[in-house]
């Protein structure tokens, strides 16, 4: 409505979380209904973040805008390879990990 969302966190339940996670998986997949339309590695590279660490920091900043506890950020970044032959694949998985965090669901 023009007054905003009156439901607060009521929209967030086990069914909607699963639905949102499935949508994220579909959007990040290379095949399926969205057919490779979203490539986090291409977006990161477009913004001059081509190394794995830089791309991961970019994704965290993009989706969480710094609103994540340091221990969660550190746990996410532990999964980042120092080098990668297939940045697109691991960054899709990394991005999925970011957008399925409670911090993202509540942002």
PDB file of N, CA and C in Angstrom:
ATOM      1  N   UNK A   1       0.846  -1.177   0.000  1.00  0.00           N
ATOM      2  CA  UNK A   1       0.000   0.000   0.000  1.00  0.00           C
ATOM      3  C   UNK A   1       0.891   1.240   0.000  1.00  0.00           C
ATOM      4  N   UNK A   2       0.262   2.401  -0.084  1.00  0.00           N
ATOM      5  CA  UNK A   2       1.035   3.643  -0.029  1.00  0.00           C
ATOM      6  C   UNK A   2       1.655   3.863   1.343  1.00  0.00           C
ATOM      7  N   UNK A   3       1.159   3.125   2.339  1.00  0.00           N
ATOM      8  CA  UNK A   3       1.699   3.241   3.693  1.00  0.00           C
ATOM      9  C   UNK A   3       2.897   2.325   3.913  1.00  0.00           C
ATOM     10  N   UNK A   4       3.229   1.511   2.927  1.00  0.00           N
ATOM     11  CA  UNK A   4       4.330   0.576   3.073  1.00  0.00           C
ATOM     12  C   UNK A   4       3.821  -0.814   3.393  1.00  0.00           C
ATOM     13  N   UNK A   5       4.706  -1.664   3.804  1.00  0.00           N
ATOM     14  CA  UNK A   5       4.348  -3.050   4.114  1.00  0.00           C
ATOM     15  C   UNK A   5       3.938  -3.132   5.564  1.00  0.00           C
ATOM     16  N   UNK A   6       2.686  -3.481   5.808  1.00  0.00           N
ATOM     17  CA  UNK A   6       2.168  -3.520   7.168  1.00  0.00           C
ATOM     18  C   UNK A   6       2.444  -4.843   7.867  1.00  0.00           C
ATOM     19  N   UNK A   7       2.879  -5.842   7.136  1.00  0.00           N
ATOM     20  CA  UNK A   7       3.045  -7.164   7.714  1.00  0.00           C
ATOM     21  C   UNK A   7       4.302  -7.376   8.518  1.00  0.00           C
ATOM     22  N   UNK A   8       5.224  -6.418   8.484  1.00  0.00           N
ATOM     23  CA  UNK A   8       6.475  -6.593   9.221  1.00  0.00           C
ATOM     24  C   UNK A   8       7.193  -7.857   8.769  1.00  0.00           C
ATOM     25  N   UNK A   9       7.550  -8.711   9.707  1.00  0.00           N
ATOM     26  CA  UNK A   9       8.254  -9.954   9.382  1.00  0.00           C
ATOM     27  C   UNK A   9       7.296 -11.124   9.163  1.00  0.00           C
ATOM     28  N   UNK A  10       5.996 -10.862   9.169  1.00  0.00           N
ATOM     29  CA  UNK A  10       5.019 -11.935   9.023  1.00  0.00           C
ATOM     30  C   UNK A  10       5.109 -12.634   7.669  1.00  0.00           C
ATOM     31  N   UNK A  11       5.641 -11.950   6.673  1.00  0.00           N
ATOM     32  CA  UNK A  11       5.785 -12.562   5.345  1.00  0.00           C
ATOM     33  C   UNK A  11       6.876 -13.622   5.347  1.00  0.00           C
ATOM     34  N   UNK A  12       7.726 -13.613   6.367  1.00  0.00           N
ATOM     35  CA  UNK A  12       8.867 -14.514   6.426  1.00  0.00           C
ATOM     36  C   UNK A  12       8.486 -15.754   7.247  1.00  0.00           C
ATOM     37  N   UNK A  13       8.328 -16.876   6.550  1.00  0.00           N
ATOM     38  CA  UNK A  13       8.017 -18.141   7.215  1.00  0.00           C
ATOM     39  C   UNK A  13       8.736 -19.259   6.478  1.00  0.00           C
ATOM     40  N   UNK A  14       8.579 -20.475   6.933  1.00  0.00           N
ATOM     41  CA  UNK A  14       9.336 -21.580   6.338  1.00  0.00           C
ATOM     42  C   UNK A  14       9.029 -21.750   4.856  1.00  0.00           C
ATOM     43  N   UNK A  15       7.805 -21.512   4.429  1.00  0.00           N
ATOM     44  CA  UNK A  15       7.462 -21.670   3.013  1.00  0.00           C
ATOM     45  C   UNK A  15       8.069 -20.557   2.159  1.00  0.00           C
ATOM     46  N   UNK A  16       8.006 -19.313   2.641  1.00  0.00           N
ATOM     47  CA  UNK A  16       8.546 -18.224   1.826  1.00  0.00           C
ATOM     48  C   UNK A  16      10.071 -18.261   1.774  1.00  0.00           C
ATOM     49  N   UNK A  17      10.708 -18.695   2.847  1.00  0.00           N
ATOM     50  CA  UNK A  17      12.171 -18.803   2.824  1.00  0.00           C
ATOM     51  C   UNK A  17      12.606 -19.849   1.805  1.00  0.00           C
ATOM     52  N   UNK A  18      11.939 -20.987   1.794  1.00  0.00           N
ATOM     53  CA  UNK A  18      12.259 -22.030   0.808  1.00  0.00           C
ATOM     54  C   UNK A  18      12.005 -21.506  -0.598  1.00  0.00           C
ATOM     55  N   UNK A  19      10.915 -20.812  -0.794  1.00  0.00           N
ATOM     56  CA  UNK A  19      10.614 -20.247  -2.105  1.00  0.00           C
ATOM     57  C   UNK A  19      11.660 -19.248  -2.563  1.00  0.00           C
ATOM     58  N   UNK A  20      12.083 -18.373  -1.666  1.00  0.00           N
ATOM     59  CA  UNK A  20      13.117 -17.385  -2.001  1.00  0.00           C
ATOM     60  C   UNK A  20      14.454 -18.064  -2.302  1.00  0.00           C
ATOM     61  N   UNK A  21      14.798 -19.089  -1.523  1.00  0.00           N
ATOM     62  CA  UNK A  21      16.040 -19.816  -1.776  1.00  0.00           C
ATOM     63  C   UNK A  21      15.993 -20.530  -3.124  1.00  0.00           C
ATOM     64  N   UNK A  22      14.847 -21.119  -3.455  1.00  0.00           N
ATOM     65  CA  UNK A  22      14.706 -21.779  -4.755  1.00  0.00           C
ATOM     66  C   UNK A  22      14.791 -20.773  -5.895  1.00  0.00           C
ATOM     67  N   UNK A  23      14.202 -19.602  -5.717  1.00  0.00           N
ATOM     68  CA  UNK A  23      14.299 -18.561  -6.739  1.00  0.00           C
ATOM     69  C   UNK A  23      15.752 -18.134  -6.927  1.00  0.00           C
ATOM     70  N   UNK A  24      16.461 -17.942  -5.828  1.00  0.00           N
ATOM     71  CA  UNK A  24      17.880 -17.566  -5.921  1.00  0.00           C
ATOM     72  C   UNK A  24      18.668 -18.627  -6.676  1.00  0.00           C
ATOM     73  N   UNK A  25      18.395 -19.891  -6.378  1.00  0.00           N
ATOM     74  CA  UNK A  25      19.095 -20.972  -7.065  1.00  0.00           C
ATOM     75  C   UNK A  25      18.789 -20.941  -8.566  1.00  0.00           C
ATOM     76  N   UNK A  26      17.540 -20.720  -8.920  1.00  0.00           N
ATOM     77  CA  UNK A  26      17.152 -20.660 -10.330  1.00  0.00           C
ATOM     78  C   UNK A  26      17.785 -19.472 -11.038  1.00  0.00           C
ATOM     79  N   UNK A  27      17.819 -18.327 -10.375  1.00  0.00           N
ATOM     80  CA  UNK A  27      18.405 -17.133 -10.985  1.00  0.00           C
ATOM     81  C   UNK A  27      19.900 -17.282 -11.224  1.00  0.00           C
ATOM     82  N   UNK A  28      20.564 -18.023 -10.348  1.00  0.00           N
ATOM     83  CA  UNK A  28      22.015 -18.188 -10.456  1.00  0.00           C
ATOM     84  C   UNK A  28      22.430 -19.386 -11.298  1.00  0.00           C
ATOM     85  N   UNK A  29      21.485 -20.215 -11.699  1.00  0.00           N
ATOM     86  CA  UNK A  29      21.795 -21.421 -12.470  1.00  0.00           C
ATOM     87  C   UNK A  29      22.195 -21.065 -13.907  1.00  0.00           C
ATOM     88  N   UNK A  30      23.041 -21.904 -14.478  1.00  0.00           N
ATOM     89  CA  UNK A  30      23.453 -21.685 -15.869  1.00  0.00           C
ATOM     90  C   UNK A  30      22.419 -22.212 -16.855  1.00  0.00           C
ATOM     91  N   UNK A  31      21.545 -23.096 -16.389  1.00  0.00           N
ATOM     92  CA  UNK A  31      20.479 -23.637 -17.235  1.00  0.00           C
ATOM     93  C   UNK A  31      19.186 -23.623 -16.444  1.00  0.00           C
ATOM     94  N   UNK A  32      18.084 -23.509 -17.149  1.00  0.00           N
ATOM     95  CA  UNK A  32      16.791 -23.512 -16.489  1.00  0.00           C
ATOM     96  C   UNK A  32      15.948 -22.352 -16.961  1.00  0.00           C
ATOM     97  N   UNK A  33      14.957 -21.986 -16.168  1.00  0.00           N
ATOM     98  CA  UNK A  33      14.009 -20.962 -16.622  1.00  0.00           C
ATOM     99  C   UNK A  33      14.642 -19.588 -16.876  1.00  0.00           C
ATOM    100  N   UNK A  34      15.712 -19.267 -16.183  1.00  0.00           N
ATOM    101  CA  UNK A  34      16.354 -17.962 -16.376  1.00  0.00           C
ATOM    102  C   UNK A  34      17.585 -18.058 -17.263  1.00  0.00           C
ATOM    103  N   UNK A  35      17.970 -19.278 -17.591  1.00  0.00           N
ATOM    104  CA  UNK A  35      18.971 -19.564 -18.622  1.00  0.00           C
ATOM    105  C   UNK A  35      20.206 -18.667 -18.605  1.00  0.00           C
ATOM    106  N   UNK A  36      20.924 -18.690 -17.473  1.00  0.00           N
ATOM    107  CA  UNK A  36      22.212 -17.995 -17.371  1.00  0.00           C
ATOM    108  C   UNK A  36      22.085 -16.469 -17.478  1.00  0.00           C
ATOM    109  N   UNK A  37      20.965 -15.923 -17.053  1.00  0.00           N
ATOM    110  CA  UNK A  37      20.751 -14.471 -17.150  1.00  0.00           C
ATOM    111  C   UNK A  37      21.521 -13.702 -16.081  1.00  0.00           C
ATOM    112  N   UNK A  38      21.841 -14.360 -14.982  1.00  0.00           N
ATOM    113  CA  UNK A  38      22.533 -13.692 -13.890  1.00  0.00           C
ATOM    114  C   UNK A  38      23.885 -14.357 -13.663  1.00  0.00           C
ATOM    115  N   UNK A  39      24.943 -13.605 -13.941  1.00  0.00           N
ATOM    116  CA  UNK A  39      26.300 -14.117 -13.763  1.00  0.00           C
ATOM    117  C   UNK A  39      27.067 -13.170 -12.842  1.00  0.00           C
ATOM    118  N   UNK A  40      27.162 -13.505 -11.559  1.00  0.00           N
ATOM    119  CA  UNK A  40      27.854 -12.618 -10.621  1.00  0.00           C
ATOM    120  C   UNK A  40      29.300 -12.321 -11.024  1.00  0.00           C
ATOM    121  N   UNK A  41      29.970 -13.279 -11.649  1.00  0.00           N
ATOM    122  CA  UNK A  41      31.359 -13.056 -12.062  1.00  0.00           C
ATOM    123  C   UNK A  41      31.437 -11.969 -13.134  1.00  0.00           C
ATOM    124  N   UNK A  42      30.489 -11.957 -14.052  1.00  0.00           N
ATOM    125  CA  UNK A  42      30.475 -10.930 -15.102  1.00  0.00           C
ATOM    126  C   UNK A  42      30.201  -9.549 -14.505  1.00  0.00           C
ATOM    127  N   UNK A  43      29.296  -9.489 -13.540  1.00  0.00           N
ATOM    128  CA  UNK A  43      28.982  -8.213 -12.884  1.00  0.00           C
ATOM    129  C   UNK A  43      30.194  -7.726 -12.093  1.00  0.00           C
ATOM    130  N   UNK A  44      30.827  -8.629 -11.344  1.00  0.00           N
ATOM    131  CA  UNK A  44      32.011  -8.254 -10.567  1.00  0.00           C
ATOM    132  C   UNK A  44      33.129  -7.764 -11.487  1.00  0.00           C
ATOM    133  N   UNK A  45      33.349  -8.472 -12.577  1.00  0.00           N
ATOM    134  CA  UNK A  45      34.399  -8.092 -13.522  1.00  0.00           C
ATOM    135  C   UNK A  45      34.102  -6.727 -14.144  1.00  0.00           C
ATOM    136  N   UNK A  46      32.840  -6.468 -14.442  1.00  0.00           N
ATOM    137  CA  UNK A  46      32.439  -5.181 -15.015  1.00  0.00           C
ATOM    138  C   UNK A  46      32.788  -4.034 -14.073  1.00  0.00           C
ATOM    139  N   UNK A  47      32.802  -4.321 -12.786  1.00  0.00           N
ATOM    140  CA  UNK A  47      33.128  -3.307 -11.781  1.00  0.00           C
ATOM    141  C   UNK A  47      34.568  -3.451 -11.271  1.00  0.00           C
ATOM    142  N   UNK A  48      35.414  -4.039 -12.106  1.00  0.00           N
ATOM    143  CA  UNK A  48      36.857  -4.169 -11.836  1.00  0.00           C
ATOM    144  C   UNK A  48      37.185  -5.025 -10.621  1.00  0.00           C
ATOM    145  N   UNK A  49      36.430  -6.095 -10.416  1.00  0.00           N
ATOM    146  CA  UNK A  49      36.701  -7.047  -9.340  1.00  0.00           C
ATOM    147  C   UNK A  49      36.909  -8.423  -9.968  1.00  0.00           C
ATOM    148  N   UNK A  50      38.105  -8.664 -10.445  1.00  0.00           N
ATOM    149  CA  UNK A  50      38.356  -9.905 -11.178  1.00  0.00           C
ATOM    150  C   UNK A  50      39.032 -10.993 -10.343  1.00  0.00           C
ATOM    151  N   UNK A  51      39.707 -10.634  -9.260  1.00  0.00           N
ATOM    152  CA  UNK A  51      40.319 -11.668  -8.418  1.00  0.00           C
ATOM    153  C   UNK A  51      39.230 -12.302  -7.555  1.00  0.00           C
ATOM    154  N   UNK A  52      39.414 -13.549  -7.148  1.00  0.00           N
ATOM    155  CA  UNK A  52      38.396 -14.195  -6.314  1.00  0.00           C
ATOM    156  C   UNK A  52      38.055 -13.416  -5.038  1.00  0.00           C
ATOM    157  N   UNK A  53      39.058 -12.945  -4.312  1.00  0.00           N
ATOM    158  CA  UNK A  53      38.811 -12.205  -3.072  1.00  0.00           C
ATOM    159  C   UNK A  53      38.068 -10.903  -3.343  1.00  0.00           C
ATOM    160  N   UNK A  54      38.503 -10.191  -4.351  1.00  0.00           N
ATOM    161  CA  UNK A  54      37.864  -8.926  -4.684  1.00  0.00           C
ATOM    162  C   UNK A  54      36.418  -9.143  -5.130  1.00  0.00           C
ATOM    163  N   UNK A  55      36.183 -10.177  -5.940  1.00  0.00           N
ATOM    164  CA  UNK A  55      34.829 -10.486  -6.406  1.00  0.00           C
ATOM    165  C   UNK A  55      33.931 -10.874  -5.239  1.00  0.00           C
ATOM    166  N   UNK A  56      34.460 -11.659  -4.305  1.00  0.00           N
ATOM    167  CA  UNK A  56      33.683 -12.066  -3.135  1.00  0.00           C
ATOM    168  C   UNK A  56      33.339 -10.859  -2.264  1.00  0.00           C
ATOM    169  N   UNK A  57      34.295  -9.981  -2.030  1.00  0.00           N
ATOM    170  CA  UNK A  57      34.039  -8.759  -1.262  1.00  0.00           C
ATOM    171  C   UNK A  57      32.974  -7.910  -1.952  1.00  0.00           C
ATOM    172  N   UNK A  58      33.046  -7.836  -3.262  1.00  0.00           N
ATOM    173  CA  UNK A  58      32.071  -7.073  -4.043  1.00  0.00           C
ATOM    174  C   UNK A  58      30.664  -7.640  -3.851  1.00  0.00           C
ATOM    175  N   UNK A  59      30.528  -8.957  -3.937  1.00  0.00           N
ATOM    176  CA  UNK A  59      29.216  -9.605  -3.776  1.00  0.00           C
ATOM    177  C   UNK A  59      28.661  -9.372  -2.371  1.00  0.00           C
ATOM    178  N   UNK A  60      29.502  -9.526  -1.356  1.00  0.00           N
ATOM    179  CA  UNK A  60      29.060  -9.294   0.020  1.00  0.00           C
ATOM    180  C   UNK A  60      28.607  -7.843   0.190  1.00  0.00           C
ATOM    181  N   UNK A  61      29.381  -6.923  -0.336  1.00  0.00           N
ATOM    182  CA  UNK A  61      29.014  -5.515  -0.245  1.00  0.00           C
ATOM    183  C   UNK A  61      27.750  -5.190  -1.016  1.00  0.00           C
ATOM    184  N   UNK A  62      27.597  -5.788  -2.169  1.00  0.00           N
ATOM    185  CA  UNK A  62      26.437  -5.534  -3.013  1.00  0.00           C
ATOM    186  C   UNK A  62      25.146  -6.008  -2.351  1.00  0.00           C
ATOM    187  N   UNK A  63      25.158  -7.220  -1.829  1.00  0.00           N
ATOM    188  CA  UNK A  63      23.930  -7.793  -1.287  1.00  0.00           C
ATOM    189  C   UNK A  63      23.685  -7.494   0.190  1.00  0.00           C
ATOM    190  N   UNK A  64      24.740  -7.292   0.948  1.00  0.00           N
ATOM    191  CA  UNK A  64      24.565  -7.062   2.388  1.00  0.00           C
ATOM    192  C   UNK A  64      24.924  -5.645   2.815  1.00  0.00           C
ATOM    193  N   UNK A  65      25.539  -4.893   1.934  1.00  0.00           N
ATOM    194  CA  UNK A  65      25.872  -3.486   2.147  1.00  0.00           C
ATOM    195  C   UNK A  65      26.548  -3.238   3.497  1.00  0.00           C
ATOM    196  N   UNK A  66      27.426  -4.165   3.853  1.00  0.00           N
ATOM    197  CA  UNK A  66      28.187  -4.020   5.093  1.00  0.00           C
ATOM    198  C   UNK A  66      27.416  -4.400   6.346  1.00  0.00           C
ATOM    199  N   UNK A  67      26.146  -4.789   6.184  1.00  0.00           N
ATOM    200  CA  UNK A  67      25.316  -5.117   7.345  1.00  0.00           C
ATOM    201  C   UNK A  67      25.410  -6.605   7.675  1.00  0.00           C
ATOM    202  N   UNK A  68      26.604  -7.026   8.040  1.00  0.00           N
ATOM    203  CA  UNK A  68      26.840  -8.425   8.391  1.00  0.00           C
ATOM    204  C   UNK A  68      27.898  -8.464   9.496  1.00  0.00           C
ATOM    205  N   UNK A  69      27.695  -9.334  10.459  1.00  0.00           N
ATOM    206  CA  UNK A  69      28.654  -9.437  11.556  1.00  0.00           C
ATOM    207  C   UNK A  69      29.990  -9.939  11.026  1.00  0.00           C
ATOM    208  N   UNK A  70      31.055  -9.536  11.669  1.00  0.00           N
ATOM    209  CA  UNK A  70      32.397  -9.884  11.202  1.00  0.00           C
ATOM    210  C   UNK A  70      32.625 -11.391  11.165  1.00  0.00           C
ATOM    211  N   UNK A  71      32.069 -12.140  12.120  1.00  0.00           N
ATOM    212  CA  UNK A  71      32.280 -13.589  12.109  1.00  0.00           C
ATOM    213  C   UNK A  71      31.564 -14.249  10.925  1.00  0.00           C
ATOM    214  N   UNK A  72      30.421 -13.714  10.517  1.00  0.00           N
ATOM    215  CA  UNK A  72      29.713 -14.250   9.346  1.00  0.00           C
ATOM    216  C   UNK A  72      30.501 -13.923   8.081  1.00  0.00           C
ATOM    217  N   UNK A  73      30.979 -12.691   7.996  1.00  0.00           N
ATOM    218  CA  UNK A  73      31.781 -12.267   6.838  1.00  0.00           C
ATOM    219  C   UNK A  73      33.044 -13.123   6.718  1.00  0.00           C
ATOM    220  N   UNK A  74      33.720 -13.356   7.843  1.00  0.00           N
ATOM    221  CA  UNK A  74      34.934 -14.175   7.828  1.00  0.00           C
ATOM    222  C   UNK A  74      34.636 -15.607   7.400  1.00  0.00           C
ATOM    223  N   UNK A  75      33.531 -16.160   7.882  1.00  0.00           N
ATOM    224  CA  UNK A  75      33.149 -17.528   7.496  1.00  0.00           C
ATOM    225  C   UNK A  75      32.864 -17.606   6.006  1.00  0.00           C
ATOM    226  N   UNK A  76      32.192 -16.605   5.469  1.00  0.00           N
ATOM    227  CA  UNK A  76      31.923 -16.577   4.023  1.00  0.00           C
ATOM    228  C   UNK A  76      33.226 -16.524   3.231  1.00  0.00           C
ATOM    229  N   UNK A  77      34.104 -15.638   3.640  1.00  0.00           N
ATOM    230  CA  UNK A  77      35.333 -15.419   2.875  1.00  0.00           C
ATOM    231  C   UNK A  77      36.328 -16.565   3.000  1.00  0.00           C
ATOM    232  N   UNK A  78      36.164 -17.444   4.003  1.00  0.00           N
ATOM    233  CA  UNK A  78      37.021 -18.627   4.098  1.00  0.00           C
ATOM    234  C   UNK A  78      36.800 -19.563   2.919  1.00  0.00           C
ATOM    235  N   UNK A  79      35.630 -19.503   2.320  1.00  0.00           N
ATOM    236  CA  UNK A  79      35.294 -20.373   1.191  1.00  0.00           C
ATOM    237  C   UNK A  79      35.863 -19.867  -0.132  1.00  0.00           C
ATOM    238  N   UNK A  80      36.459 -18.699  -0.128  1.00  0.00           N
ATOM    239  CA  UNK A  80      36.968 -18.101  -1.367  1.00  0.00           C
ATOM    240  C   UNK A  80      38.315 -18.715  -1.730  1.00  0.00           C
ATOM    241  N   UNK A  81      38.426 -19.256  -2.941  1.00  0.00           N
ATOM    242  CA  UNK A  81      39.724 -19.814  -3.353  1.00  0.00           C
ATOM    243  C   UNK A  81      40.727 -18.696  -3.620  1.00  0.00           C
ATOM    244  N   UNK A  82      42.002 -18.991  -3.451  1.00  0.00           N
ATOM    245  CA  UNK A  82      43.023 -17.977  -3.726  1.00  0.00           C
ATOM    246  C   UNK A  82      43.143 -17.719  -5.223  1.00  0.00           C
ATOM    247  N   UNK A  83      42.955 -18.765  -6.015  1.00  0.00           N
ATOM    248  CA  UNK A  83      42.895 -18.623  -7.472  1.00  0.00           C
ATOM    249  C   UNK A  83      41.803 -19.567  -7.970  1.00  0.00           C
ATOM    250  N   UNK A  84      41.315 -19.293  -9.161  1.00  0.00           N
ATOM    251  CA  UNK A  84      40.266 -20.150  -9.693  1.00  0.00           C
ATOM    252  C   UNK A  84      40.292 -20.142 -11.207  1.00  0.00           C
ATOM    253  N   UNK A  85      40.149 -21.337 -11.784  1.00  0.00           N
ATOM    254  CA  UNK A  85      40.044 -21.442 -13.233  1.00  0.00           C
ATOM    255  C   UNK A  85      38.615 -21.155 -13.687  1.00  0.00           C
ATOM    256  N   UNK A  86      37.652 -21.367 -12.801  1.00  0.00           N
ATOM    257  CA  UNK A  86      36.248 -21.152 -13.136  1.00  0.00           C
ATOM    258  C   UNK A  86      35.612 -20.239 -12.095  1.00  0.00           C
ATOM    259  N   UNK A  87      35.901 -18.948 -12.192  1.00  0.00           N
ATOM    260  CA  UNK A  87      35.367 -17.975 -11.247  1.00  0.00           C
ATOM    261  C   UNK A  87      33.853 -17.958 -11.278  1.00  0.00           C
ATOM    262  N   UNK A  88      33.280 -18.098 -12.450  1.00  0.00           N
ATOM    263  CA  UNK A  88      31.827 -18.038 -12.576  1.00  0.00           C
ATOM    264  C   UNK A  88      31.133 -19.091 -11.721  1.00  0.00           C
ATOM    265  N   UNK A  89      31.644 -20.310 -11.730  1.00  0.00           N
ATOM    266  CA  UNK A  89      30.995 -21.405 -10.992  1.00  0.00           C
ATOM    267  C   UNK A  89      31.049 -21.173  -9.482  1.00  0.00           C
ATOM    268  N   UNK A  90      32.225 -20.938  -8.920  1.00  0.00           N
ATOM    269  CA  UNK A  90      32.309 -20.790  -7.471  1.00  0.00           C
ATOM    270  C   UNK A  90      31.653 -19.508  -7.014  1.00  0.00           C
ATOM    271  N   UNK A  91      31.680 -18.434  -7.855  1.00  0.00           N
ATOM    272  CA  UNK A  91      31.052 -17.182  -7.431  1.00  0.00           C
ATOM    273  C   UNK A  91      29.527 -17.294  -7.454  1.00  0.00           C
ATOM    274  N   UNK A  92      28.983 -18.121  -8.326  1.00  0.00           N
ATOM    275  CA  UNK A  92      27.544 -18.400  -8.291  1.00  0.00           C
ATOM    276  C   UNK A  92      27.196 -19.089  -6.967  1.00  0.00           C
ATOM    277  N   UNK A  93      27.993 -20.065  -6.585  1.00  0.00           N
ATOM    278  CA  UNK A  93      27.743 -20.776  -5.321  1.00  0.00           C
ATOM    279  C   UNK A  93      27.934 -19.840  -4.128  1.00  0.00           C
ATOM    280  N   UNK A  94      28.955 -19.016  -4.180  1.00  0.00           N
ATOM    281  CA  UNK A  94      29.214 -18.053  -3.118  1.00  0.00           C
ATOM    282  C   UNK A  94      28.054 -17.068  -2.994  1.00  0.00           C
ATOM    283  N   UNK A  95      27.589 -16.563  -4.120  1.00  0.00           N
ATOM    284  CA  UNK A  95      26.475 -15.619  -4.130  1.00  0.00           C
ATOM    285  C   UNK A  95      25.225 -16.254  -3.542  1.00  0.00           C
ATOM    286  N   UNK A  96      24.991 -17.522  -3.881  1.00  0.00           N
ATOM    287  CA  UNK A  96      23.849 -18.239  -3.308  1.00  0.00           C
ATOM    288  C   UNK A  96      23.985 -18.300  -1.784  1.00  0.00           C
ATOM    289  N   UNK A  97      25.186 -18.550  -1.293  1.00  0.00           N
ATOM    290  CA  UNK A  97      25.417 -18.580   0.154  1.00  0.00           C
ATOM    291  C   UNK A  97      25.093 -17.229   0.787  1.00  0.00           C
ATOM    292  N   UNK A  98      25.426 -16.161   0.101  1.00  0.00           N
ATOM    293  CA  UNK A  98      25.169 -14.814   0.624  1.00  0.00           C
ATOM    294  C   UNK A  98      23.672 -14.512   0.655  1.00  0.00           C
ATOM    295  N   UNK A  99      22.971 -14.794  -0.450  1.00  0.00           N
ATOM    296  CA  UNK A  99      21.552 -14.409  -0.524  1.00  0.00           C
ATOM    297  C   UNK A  99      20.626 -15.342   0.231  1.00  0.00           C
ATOM    298  N   UNK A 100      21.166 -16.411   0.800  1.00  0.00           N
ATOM    299  CA  UNK A 100      20.340 -17.279   1.635  1.00  0.00           C
ATOM    300  C   UNK A 100      20.638 -17.091   3.124  1.00  0.00           C
ATOM    301  N   UNK A 101      21.490 -16.141   3.447  1.00  0.00           N
ATOM    302  CA  UNK A 101      21.766 -15.807   4.847  1.00  0.00           C
ATOM    303  C   UNK A 101      20.557 -15.112   5.479  1.00  0.00           C
ATOM    304  N   UNK A 102      20.343 -15.317   6.758  1.00  0.00           N
ATOM    305  CA  UNK A 102      19.267 -14.568   7.443  1.00  0.00           C
ATOM    306  C   UNK A 102      19.426 -13.052   7.302  1.00  0.00           C
ATOM    307  N   UNK A 103      20.666 -12.570   7.304  1.00  0.00           N
ATOM    308  CA  UNK A 103      20.914 -11.135   7.169  1.00  0.00           C
ATOM    309  C   UNK A 103      20.359 -10.599   5.858  1.00  0.00           C
ATOM    310  N   UNK A 104      20.475 -11.391   4.793  1.00  0.00           N
ATOM    311  CA  UNK A 104      19.945 -10.959   3.504  1.00  0.00           C
ATOM    312  C   UNK A 104      18.418 -11.070   3.497  1.00  0.00           C
ATOM    313  N   UNK A 105      17.886 -12.125   4.057  1.00  0.00           N
ATOM    314  CA  UNK A 105      16.442 -12.327   4.077  1.00  0.00           C
ATOM    315  C   UNK A 105      15.732 -11.180   4.821  1.00  0.00           C
ATOM    316  N   UNK A 106      16.398 -10.585   5.783  1.00  0.00           N
ATOM    317  CA  UNK A 106      15.792  -9.534   6.588  1.00  0.00           C
ATOM    318  C   UNK A 106      16.182  -8.128   6.141  1.00  0.00           C
ATOM    319  N   UNK A 107      16.977  -8.023   5.089  1.00  0.00           N
ATOM    320  CA  UNK A 107      17.391  -6.679   4.684  1.00  0.00           C
ATOM    321  C   UNK A 107      16.315  -5.951   3.919  1.00  0.00           C
TER     322      UNK A 107
END
